[in-house]
Protein backbone atom coordinates (compact mmCIF):
# COMPACT_ATOMS: atom_id res chain seq x y z
CA MET A 1 -169.97 74.28 127.90
CA SER A 2 -168.00 75.56 124.92
CA ASN A 3 -169.82 76.86 121.87
CA LEU A 4 -167.31 74.86 119.67
CA SER A 5 -166.82 71.11 119.22
CA PRO A 6 -163.65 69.88 121.03
CA ARG A 7 -161.86 68.27 118.05
CA MET A 8 -162.63 70.28 114.93
CA GLY A 9 -163.92 73.54 116.50
CA LEU A 10 -167.30 73.38 114.74
CA PRO A 11 -169.83 75.97 116.08
CA PHE A 12 -172.83 74.57 117.93
CA LEU A 13 -176.41 75.82 117.46
CA LEU A 14 -177.45 77.57 120.70
CA PRO A 15 -180.95 77.87 122.21
CA SER A 16 -182.89 80.95 121.11
CA GLN A 17 -180.10 81.74 118.64
CA ALA A 18 -181.05 84.08 115.85
CA GLN A 19 -179.99 83.27 112.28
CA LYS A 20 -179.10 79.68 113.12
CA HIS A 21 -178.49 79.03 109.48
CA VAL A 22 -175.35 81.15 109.58
CA THR A 23 -173.83 79.03 112.34
CA HIS A 24 -174.93 75.84 110.61
CA ASN A 25 -173.51 76.86 107.25
CA GLU A 26 -170.20 77.85 108.87
CA ALA A 27 -169.91 74.35 110.36
CA LEU A 28 -170.80 72.76 107.01
CA GLN A 29 -168.16 74.91 105.29
CA GLN A 30 -165.52 73.69 107.77
CA LEU A 31 -166.66 70.09 107.32
CA ASP A 32 -166.41 70.48 103.56
CA ALA A 33 -162.81 71.59 103.97
CA LEU A 34 -161.74 68.87 106.41
CA THR A 35 -163.63 65.84 105.10
CA GLN A 36 -161.31 63.76 102.83
CA PRO A 37 -158.91 66.72 102.82
CA ALA A 38 -156.63 67.30 99.82
CA VAL A 39 -154.31 70.29 99.42
CA LEU A 40 -152.85 71.67 96.23
CA ALA A 41 -149.54 72.20 98.04
CA LEU A 42 -148.29 71.83 101.61
CA ALA A 43 -145.66 74.55 101.95
CA GLU A 44 -147.11 77.59 100.17
CA VAL A 45 -146.25 80.99 101.69
CA ALA A 46 -148.14 83.40 99.40
CA PRO A 47 -151.87 83.14 98.71
CA PRO A 48 -152.75 82.62 95.04
CA ALA A 49 -154.19 85.59 93.22
CA SER A 50 -157.29 83.84 91.82
CA PRO A 51 -158.03 80.65 93.72
CA GLU A 52 -160.97 78.48 92.80
CA ALA A 53 -163.69 77.81 95.33
CA GLY A 54 -162.78 74.77 97.41
CA ALA A 55 -159.02 75.20 96.91
CA MET A 56 -157.00 74.36 100.01
CA TYR A 57 -153.32 74.86 100.82
CA GLY A 58 -150.94 74.01 103.60
CA ILE A 59 -149.24 77.22 104.71
CA GLY A 60 -145.48 77.06 105.05
CA ALA A 61 -143.13 79.06 107.28
CA GLY A 62 -142.90 82.82 106.67
CA ALA A 63 -146.32 83.28 105.06
CA THR A 64 -147.21 86.67 103.56
CA GLY A 65 -150.32 88.63 102.71
CA VAL A 66 -153.58 87.54 104.27
CA TRP A 67 -151.74 84.31 105.27
CA ALA A 68 -149.26 86.15 107.49
CA GLY A 69 -149.13 84.71 111.00
CA ARG A 70 -150.90 81.50 109.87
CA ASP A 71 -147.78 79.29 109.46
CA GLY A 72 -148.70 75.59 109.56
CA ALA A 73 -152.44 76.18 109.17
CA LEU A 74 -154.68 74.85 106.42
CA ALA A 75 -156.08 77.66 104.22
CA TYR A 76 -159.44 76.94 102.54
CA TRP A 77 -160.98 79.32 99.93
CA ASP A 78 -164.75 79.13 100.16
CA GLY A 79 -165.24 81.32 97.11
CA THR A 80 -165.29 84.66 98.91
CA ALA A 81 -162.81 84.40 101.80
CA TRP A 82 -160.07 82.28 103.34
CA LEU A 83 -161.00 79.85 106.10
CA PHE A 84 -158.04 78.89 108.35
CA VAL A 85 -157.92 75.66 110.34
CA SER A 86 -155.08 74.66 112.68
CA PRO A 87 -154.31 70.93 112.23
CA GLN A 88 -154.14 68.64 115.22
CA GLU A 89 -151.75 65.74 115.92
CA GLY A 90 -152.50 62.79 113.65
CA TRP A 91 -154.54 64.65 111.03
CA ARG A 92 -153.95 63.30 107.49
CA VAL A 93 -154.05 65.19 104.23
CA TRP A 94 -153.31 64.27 100.61
CA ALA A 95 -150.71 66.54 99.00
CA GLN A 96 -151.52 66.74 95.31
CA ASP A 97 -148.25 68.40 94.33
CA VAL A 98 -146.15 65.43 95.51
CA GLN A 99 -148.91 62.78 95.25
CA GLU A 100 -148.34 61.59 98.80
CA LEU A 101 -150.32 61.23 102.02
CA HIS A 102 -148.99 63.39 104.86
CA VAL A 103 -149.58 63.35 108.62
CA TRP A 104 -149.40 66.26 111.08
CA ARG A 105 -146.81 64.97 113.51
CA GLY A 106 -144.82 66.95 116.07
CA GLY A 107 -145.89 70.36 114.74
CA SER A 108 -145.24 69.78 111.01
CA TRP A 109 -146.42 67.81 108.05
CA ALA A 110 -144.50 64.61 107.22
CA PRO A 111 -145.07 61.79 104.73
CA ALA A 112 -147.45 59.30 106.34
CA LEU A 113 -145.00 56.37 106.05
CA GLN A 114 -141.94 58.33 107.12
CA SER A 115 -140.65 57.37 110.60
CA THR A 116 -143.43 54.82 110.86
CA VAL A 117 -142.52 52.51 113.74
CA GLN A 118 -144.11 49.38 112.19
CA LEU A 119 -145.62 48.50 108.83
CA GLY A 120 -147.26 45.25 107.85
CA ILE A 121 -148.26 44.65 104.23
CA GLY A 122 -150.54 41.65 103.94
CA THR A 123 -149.41 40.53 107.39
CA THR A 124 -148.69 41.81 110.90
CA ALA A 125 -145.46 43.58 111.82
CA ASP A 126 -143.97 43.22 115.28
CA ALA A 127 -141.26 44.80 117.42
CA THR A 128 -138.52 42.73 115.77
CA ASN A 129 -139.87 42.52 112.23
CA ARG A 130 -141.01 46.13 111.98
CA LEU A 131 -141.54 45.83 108.23
CA SER A 132 -143.41 42.66 107.28
CA VAL A 133 -144.64 41.76 103.81
CA ALA A 134 -146.77 38.75 102.81
CA SER A 135 -146.86 38.64 99.02
CA ASP A 136 -146.14 36.44 96.01
CA ALA A 137 -143.32 38.81 95.06
CA SER A 138 -141.69 42.09 96.04
CA LEU A 139 -140.51 44.60 93.46
CA PHE A 140 -137.78 47.19 93.95
CA SER A 141 -137.37 49.20 90.75
CA HIS A 142 -135.34 52.17 89.60
CA ALA A 143 -136.50 55.78 89.53
CA GLY A 144 -134.92 56.54 86.18
CA ALA A 145 -131.38 55.24 86.63
CA GLY A 146 -129.87 52.58 88.90
CA HIS A 147 -131.15 50.98 92.08
CA GLN A 148 -129.30 49.91 95.20
CA MET A 149 -130.48 48.00 98.28
CA LYS A 150 -128.57 48.67 101.50
CA LEU A 151 -128.21 46.64 104.71
CA ASN A 152 -126.37 48.63 107.39
CA LYS A 153 -125.19 47.22 110.71
CA ALA A 154 -123.96 49.15 113.74
CA SER A 155 -120.43 47.67 114.02
CA ALA A 156 -118.13 45.05 112.49
CA GLY A 157 -119.07 42.47 115.14
CA ASP A 158 -122.79 42.71 114.36
CA THR A 159 -124.62 40.90 111.58
CA GLY A 160 -126.05 42.34 108.39
CA SER A 161 -127.36 39.48 106.28
CA VAL A 162 -130.22 37.99 104.29
CA LEU A 163 -131.64 34.78 105.76
CA PHE A 164 -133.48 32.24 103.59
CA GLN A 165 -136.00 30.02 105.39
CA SER A 166 -138.29 27.11 104.55
CA ASP A 167 -141.29 26.71 106.91
CA TRP A 168 -139.52 29.19 109.23
CA VAL A 169 -136.33 27.05 109.40
CA GLY A 170 -133.17 28.79 108.15
CA HIS A 171 -131.19 26.97 105.44
CA ALA A 172 -129.08 29.69 103.80
CA GLU A 173 -127.67 33.06 104.83
CA MET A 174 -125.51 35.58 103.03
CA GLY A 175 -124.00 38.88 104.11
CA LEU A 176 -121.68 40.24 106.79
CA ALA A 177 -122.02 37.80 109.68
CA GLY A 178 -119.99 38.93 112.69
CA ASP A 179 -117.23 40.67 110.70
CA THR A 180 -116.67 42.60 107.48
CA ALA A 181 -116.06 39.58 105.23
CA PHE A 182 -118.90 38.62 102.88
CA SER A 183 -119.96 35.03 103.48
CA VAL A 184 -122.53 32.50 102.37
CA LYS A 185 -123.67 29.93 104.93
CA ILE A 186 -125.87 26.85 104.56
CA SER A 187 -127.63 24.58 107.04
CA ALA A 188 -129.58 21.34 106.78
CA ASP A 189 -131.49 21.84 110.04
CA GLY A 190 -131.28 25.54 110.84
CA ALA A 191 -129.06 24.84 113.84
CA SER A 192 -125.69 23.70 112.45
CA TRP A 193 -124.19 26.03 109.83
CA ASP A 194 -121.26 25.75 107.40
CA THR A 195 -119.59 28.74 105.74
CA VAL A 196 -119.29 27.60 102.10
CA LEU A 197 -118.10 30.91 100.62
CA ARG A 198 -116.09 33.68 102.24
CA ALA A 199 -114.72 36.79 100.54
CA ASP A 200 -112.35 38.48 102.98
CA PRO A 201 -111.39 42.08 102.06
CA ALA A 202 -108.67 42.19 104.72
CA ALA A 203 -106.92 39.01 103.57
CA GLN A 204 -107.87 39.76 99.93
CA GLU A 205 -108.85 36.17 99.25
CA ILE A 206 -111.94 34.12 98.45
CA THR A 207 -112.41 30.75 100.13
CA PHE A 208 -114.74 27.97 98.94
CA ALA A 209 -115.70 25.30 101.47
CA PRO A 210 -118.64 23.17 100.18
CA ALA A 211 -118.82 21.07 103.37
CA GLY A 212 -117.27 23.53 105.80
CA THR A 213 -113.65 22.61 105.03
CA ALA A 214 -111.73 24.93 102.69
CA ARG A 215 -111.17 23.24 99.32
CA MET A 216 -110.23 26.24 97.16
CA VAL A 217 -108.61 29.55 98.11
CA LEU A 218 -108.23 32.28 95.49
CA SER A 219 -105.96 35.25 96.10
CA ASP A 220 -104.04 37.75 94.03
CA THR A 221 -100.93 35.56 94.31
CA GLY A 222 -102.43 32.24 93.25
CA LEU A 223 -105.12 29.58 93.40
CA GLN A 224 -104.92 26.78 95.96
CA LEU A 225 -106.94 23.62 95.24
CA ASP A 226 -107.34 20.87 97.80
CA ALA A 227 -109.80 18.62 95.96
CA PRO A 228 -109.72 16.56 92.71
CA VAL A 229 -110.76 18.43 89.58
CA THR A 230 -113.23 16.58 87.35
CA GLY A 231 -115.78 17.31 84.66
CA SER A 232 -116.01 18.14 80.98
CA ALA A 233 -113.30 20.81 81.27
CA VAL A 234 -110.73 18.15 82.17
CA GLN A 235 -108.91 15.96 79.64
CA SER A 236 -110.01 12.37 80.06
CA ALA A 237 -108.10 10.54 77.29
CA GLY A 238 -105.05 10.93 75.11
CA SER A 239 -107.26 11.63 72.09
CA ASP A 240 -109.03 14.53 73.85
CA GLY A 241 -107.31 17.47 72.20
CA ALA A 242 -110.04 20.08 72.72
CA ALA A 243 -108.65 23.55 73.40
CA GLY A 244 -108.84 24.98 76.90
CA LYS A 245 -109.04 21.70 78.81
CA ILE A 246 -107.06 20.95 81.96
CA LEU A 247 -104.44 18.20 81.76
CA MET A 248 -104.89 15.97 84.76
CA THR A 249 -102.51 13.51 86.41
CA GLY A 250 -103.70 10.08 85.26
CA ALA A 251 -106.06 11.45 82.63
CA GLN A 252 -103.58 10.52 79.88
CA CYS A 253 -102.80 7.01 81.20
CA LEU A 254 -103.59 4.72 78.28
CA THR A 255 -105.10 1.27 78.65
CA ASN A 256 -103.38 -2.09 78.23
CA ASP A 257 -104.22 -2.77 74.60
CA SER A 258 -102.41 -3.19 71.29
CA ALA A 259 -103.59 0.01 69.61
CA ALA A 260 -100.94 2.35 68.26
CA TYR A 261 -100.46 5.91 69.49
CA SER A 262 -101.62 7.16 66.09
CA GLY A 263 -105.16 6.24 67.10
CA LEU A 264 -104.93 7.98 70.45
CA LEU A 265 -103.12 11.23 69.73
CA PRO A 266 -104.51 13.78 67.26
CA ASP A 267 -102.46 14.45 64.14
CA ALA A 268 -102.13 18.15 64.87
CA MET A 269 -99.57 20.66 66.00
CA GLY A 270 -99.05 20.73 69.75
CA SER A 271 -97.37 19.07 72.70
CA TRP A 272 -98.72 15.94 74.35
CA LEU A 273 -97.90 14.07 77.54
CA VAL A 274 -99.18 10.49 77.77
CA GLY A 275 -98.57 7.38 79.76
CA PHE A 276 -98.07 4.17 77.78
CA ASN A 277 -98.96 0.69 78.93
CA ASP A 278 -97.82 -2.10 76.59
CA LYS A 279 -98.54 -0.02 73.47
CA ALA A 280 -97.86 -1.61 70.09
CA ASP A 281 -95.64 1.25 68.93
CA GLY A 282 -93.99 1.90 72.29
CA PRO A 283 -90.21 1.60 72.51
CA GLY A 284 -90.36 -1.90 73.99
CA ALA A 285 -92.39 -3.23 71.06
CA LEU A 286 -89.73 -2.11 68.60
CA THR A 287 -86.70 -2.99 70.67
CA GLY A 288 -87.97 -6.32 71.92
CA HIS A 289 -87.32 -5.28 75.50
CA GLY A 290 -90.60 -6.16 77.24
CA SER A 291 -89.90 -4.25 80.45
CA ASP A 292 -89.62 -1.01 78.44
CA ARG A 293 -93.24 -1.25 77.22
CA TYR A 294 -94.51 0.81 80.17
CA GLY A 295 -93.84 4.43 81.07
CA MET A 296 -94.39 8.00 79.87
CA MET A 297 -94.05 9.70 76.51
CA VAL A 298 -93.75 13.36 75.48
CA GLN A 299 -94.68 14.12 71.87
CA VAL A 300 -94.06 17.44 70.14
CA GLN A 301 -95.56 18.00 66.69
CA ARG A 302 -95.00 21.14 64.67
CA SER A 303 -96.57 19.94 61.40
CA SER A 304 -98.44 16.92 60.12
CA GLY A 305 -96.21 13.87 59.75
CA ARG A 306 -93.34 15.35 61.76
CA ARG A 307 -93.55 13.96 65.26
CA HIS A 308 -90.77 13.96 67.86
CA ARG A 309 -91.05 11.71 70.87
CA ILE A 310 -89.17 11.15 74.10
CA PHE A 311 -89.97 7.96 76.06
CA GLN A 312 -89.21 7.47 79.76
CA THR A 313 -89.77 3.83 80.76
CA LEU A 314 -90.41 2.31 84.15
CA THR A 315 -86.95 0.70 83.95
CA GLY A 316 -85.39 4.20 83.90
CA GLN A 317 -84.47 4.02 80.21
CA MET A 318 -84.99 6.87 77.74
CA PHE A 319 -85.67 6.61 74.00
CA HIS A 320 -85.86 9.20 71.25
CA GLN A 321 -88.03 8.71 68.19
CA THR A 322 -88.41 10.95 65.14
CA GLU A 323 -90.60 10.92 62.06
CA SER A 324 -89.64 11.61 58.47
CA ALA A 325 -91.36 11.25 55.11
CA ALA A 326 -90.77 7.50 55.44
CA GLY A 327 -92.70 7.41 58.73
CA LEU A 328 -91.78 6.94 62.36
CA GLN A 329 -88.27 5.66 62.85
CA ALA A 330 -87.36 2.98 65.37
CA PRO A 331 -86.84 4.41 68.88
CA LYS A 332 -83.21 5.02 69.75
CA ARG A 333 -81.94 4.61 73.27
CA VAL A 334 -80.62 7.75 74.94
CA TYR A 335 -77.47 7.09 76.97
CA ASP A 336 -76.39 9.15 79.94
CA THR A 337 -74.26 8.79 83.05
CA GLY A 338 -76.89 6.51 84.48
CA ASN A 339 -76.86 3.87 81.75
CA LEU A 340 -73.59 4.42 79.84
CA LEU A 341 -71.82 1.80 81.96
CA GLY A 342 -73.75 -1.24 83.11
CA THR A 343 -74.93 -4.59 81.82
CA VAL A 344 -75.13 -4.74 78.05
CA SER A 345 -77.89 -6.78 76.46
CA GLN A 346 -79.62 -7.17 73.14
CA ALA A 347 -82.79 -8.46 71.56
CA GLY A 348 -83.00 -9.28 67.89
CA GLY A 349 -79.61 -7.69 67.31
CA LEU A 350 -80.66 -4.36 68.83
CA PRO A 351 -79.11 -3.06 72.08
CA THR A 352 -81.42 -3.09 75.08
CA GLY A 353 -78.96 -2.40 77.91
CA ALA A 354 -76.00 -0.19 78.73
CA MET A 355 -73.47 1.00 76.18
CA MET A 356 -70.48 -0.62 77.91
CA GLU A 357 -70.00 -3.41 80.42
CA HIS A 358 -66.77 -4.01 82.35
CA GLY A 359 -65.93 -6.91 84.59
CA SER A 360 -63.14 -9.11 85.94
CA ASN A 361 -62.70 -12.50 87.58
CA ALA A 362 -59.99 -15.10 88.22
CA ASN A 363 -59.58 -15.49 84.45
CA GLY A 364 -58.81 -11.82 83.77
CA ALA A 365 -60.84 -8.80 82.73
CA TYR A 366 -63.29 -8.08 79.92
CA VAL A 367 -65.08 -5.15 78.23
CA ARG A 368 -68.32 -5.58 76.28
CA TYR A 369 -69.88 -2.94 74.00
CA ALA A 370 -73.52 -2.54 72.97
CA ASP A 371 -72.64 -3.21 69.31
CA GLY A 372 -71.48 -6.74 70.21
CA THR A 373 -67.72 -6.15 70.44
CA GLN A 374 -65.93 -7.91 73.33
CA ILE A 375 -62.31 -7.60 74.51
CA CYS A 376 -60.78 -9.98 77.06
CA HIS A 377 -57.40 -9.41 78.69
CA LYS A 378 -55.28 -11.75 80.78
CA LYS A 379 -51.91 -10.93 82.37
CA LEU A 380 -49.70 -13.53 84.06
CA THR A 381 -46.35 -13.24 85.89
CA LEU A 382 -44.51 -16.60 86.08
CA SER A 383 -41.41 -17.05 88.27
CA GLY A 384 -38.68 -19.72 88.15
CA GLN A 385 -39.21 -20.50 84.49
CA ASP A 386 -36.56 -22.35 82.43
CA LEU A 387 -35.91 -21.84 78.71
CA ASN A 388 -33.65 -24.86 78.07
CA ILE A 389 -35.70 -27.09 75.82
CA ALA A 390 -34.15 -27.35 72.36
CA TYR A 391 -36.38 -25.71 69.76
CA GLY A 392 -34.46 -26.12 66.49
CA ALA A 393 -31.45 -23.83 66.88
CA LEU A 394 -33.26 -22.03 69.76
CA PHE A 395 -34.45 -22.83 73.22
CA ARG A 396 -38.04 -22.60 74.53
CA SER A 397 -39.90 -22.70 77.81
CA GLY A 398 -42.62 -25.10 78.83
CA SER A 399 -46.27 -24.20 77.96
CA LEU A 400 -46.83 -20.89 79.71
CA LEU A 401 -50.71 -20.99 79.81
CA SER A 402 -51.08 -24.50 81.08
CA GLY A 403 -54.17 -24.34 83.31
CA ASN A 404 -54.80 -20.62 82.46
CA THR A 405 -56.49 -20.78 79.06
CA VAL A 406 -60.04 -19.69 80.08
CA PHE A 407 -61.25 -16.20 79.01
CA ALA A 408 -62.83 -13.86 81.56
CA ALA A 409 -66.05 -13.89 79.42
CA MET A 410 -67.35 -16.15 76.67
CA PHE A 411 -67.30 -15.14 73.02
CA SER A 412 -69.95 -16.06 70.47
CA GLU A 413 -67.21 -17.29 68.11
CA PRO A 414 -63.44 -17.85 68.43
CA PRO A 415 -61.81 -14.44 68.85
CA ALA A 416 -58.59 -13.02 67.43
CA CYS A 417 -55.87 -13.45 70.05
CA THR A 418 -52.62 -11.55 70.53
CA ILE A 419 -50.24 -13.17 73.03
CA THR A 420 -46.83 -11.88 74.10
CA ALA A 421 -44.29 -13.35 76.52
CA HIS A 422 -41.47 -11.21 77.91
CA VAL A 423 -38.53 -12.74 79.85
CA GLU A 424 -36.89 -10.30 82.23
CA ASN A 425 -33.34 -9.33 81.17
CA LEU A 426 -33.46 -11.47 78.02
CA SER A 427 -34.43 -10.88 74.43
CA THR A 428 -37.11 -13.43 73.55
CA MET A 429 -39.80 -14.34 71.07
CA THR A 430 -43.25 -15.89 71.57
CA ALA A 431 -44.46 -19.04 69.86
CA VAL A 432 -48.21 -19.87 69.78
CA GLY A 433 -49.72 -23.17 68.80
CA GLY A 434 -53.42 -23.80 68.02
CA LEU A 435 -56.42 -21.41 67.56
CA GLY A 436 -58.30 -21.70 70.81
CA ASP A 437 -62.13 -21.53 70.99
CA VAL A 438 -65.00 -19.32 72.26
CA GLY A 439 -63.93 -19.79 75.86
CA ASN A 440 -60.20 -20.55 75.77
CA THR A 441 -56.91 -19.18 74.49
CA PRO A 442 -54.69 -21.31 72.21
CA ALA A 443 -53.42 -24.21 74.29
CA THR A 444 -49.70 -23.87 73.45
CA VAL A 445 -47.71 -20.72 74.20
CA TYR A 446 -43.88 -20.74 74.47
CA ALA A 447 -41.26 -18.15 75.25
CA VAL A 448 -38.31 -18.70 72.85
CA ALA A 449 -34.68 -17.49 73.34
CA HIS A 450 -31.33 -17.79 71.51
CA THR A 451 -29.62 -19.21 74.58
CA ALA A 452 -30.62 -21.62 77.28
CA VAL A 453 -31.45 -19.97 80.62
CA THR A 454 -33.06 -21.11 83.84
CA GLY A 455 -34.93 -19.60 86.83
CA ARG A 456 -36.26 -16.60 84.95
CA VAL A 457 -39.40 -14.41 85.45
CA ILE A 458 -41.71 -14.38 82.43
CA HIS A 459 -44.59 -11.86 81.89
CA VAL A 460 -47.42 -13.11 79.65
CA ASN A 461 -50.09 -10.79 78.13
CA VAL A 462 -53.15 -12.20 76.35
CA MET A 463 -55.52 -9.89 74.37
CA ALA A 464 -58.59 -11.41 72.66
CA ILE A 465 -60.98 -9.38 70.46
CA GLY A 466 -64.29 -10.79 69.15
CA ARG A 467 -68.06 -10.60 69.61
CA TRP A 468 -70.29 -11.53 72.51
CA TYR A 469 -73.36 -12.00 70.26
């Protein structure tokens, strides 16, 4: 049997041993050093010149003096001499210089928690969850400057993420899940997951998909939205002139009421786009053209009381309206290649249709203008006509317009008529009898010559100028 204990090498008291107190005191001295051990430093290489009794050090590599050849040992000063103890695997010692518990592991001292395989704080760790914490909160603070948490995965196809659970069922996850794009996933049951946010460094774009389907994609080249935009940042009425709001399609569509635009648009500098629906001061209300009371208006205002408006109606008509010191002027129709020629019309004496209208029928041709002017033209070629009826000292034909007195379009009052009759190869005059009416030329028109002739061709031209309203 050995004279020393197997673990700490404490000397045993032997039978018939003289001066047993020496052996006993040596064991007590070693116990004093190794019970609740604390060292002043763990890697000292030179013994201190004046150590205090009870001082203990961990000897580092390359020790000198009386410590030479004792690398790795614990040196304990008992007040008169150094006591050296070789640590064994698993021994623990408190290092006062770094304020940390160390363990003798693999032939050297290491912090007790360093390379620990598992650690459970308030709970039990396992092979998968090697660090487990059960606590009301966990604090990670700085050491004088910033602080950074790191999750590192082995390869791009692995997962490095933070999983949020409720009663051990996962409902949210964020991190690098299966690639190098940062994503946020959510789940209602822990089994079916939707990626609601994805920031892809390769594609350089951020995708938002609240229900799993992409609704917004932001990249350096633009923003793609695939869902309606609503909320307080969106204009909801024509009177909403708050700065920074988004103008939405339909947000400026005004209701079917009789209020004027002055109550719906702010009297301030700016540009406004509104829809109008039977508004009291819309172009139709002032022109009397009911079908022009619906459409779109653009208003530009550079100072108070100086508005400029362009109206586009559902009928395809355009109006321009300006404002002066006297107030808003009546809207004026804008004519273009689309409405310059068409059907003219009026309401209350104001034009509501095209600028010009042209037409023809069996009674000739006509032109109407938006200001009310109308011109009708009739041209006849009559063959086999005789001028042999005595007309004083002259000779005349029969009535040239018999059965051809109707105008191509009606006048609102009898027009001014100019009628000429030309006989081929003969100098003639024209005689007209009567005034005619709103729909007919004068009833009597003769060709008159100095000599009697027969079987001639006569050309008759009728021009009537008047008003259609």
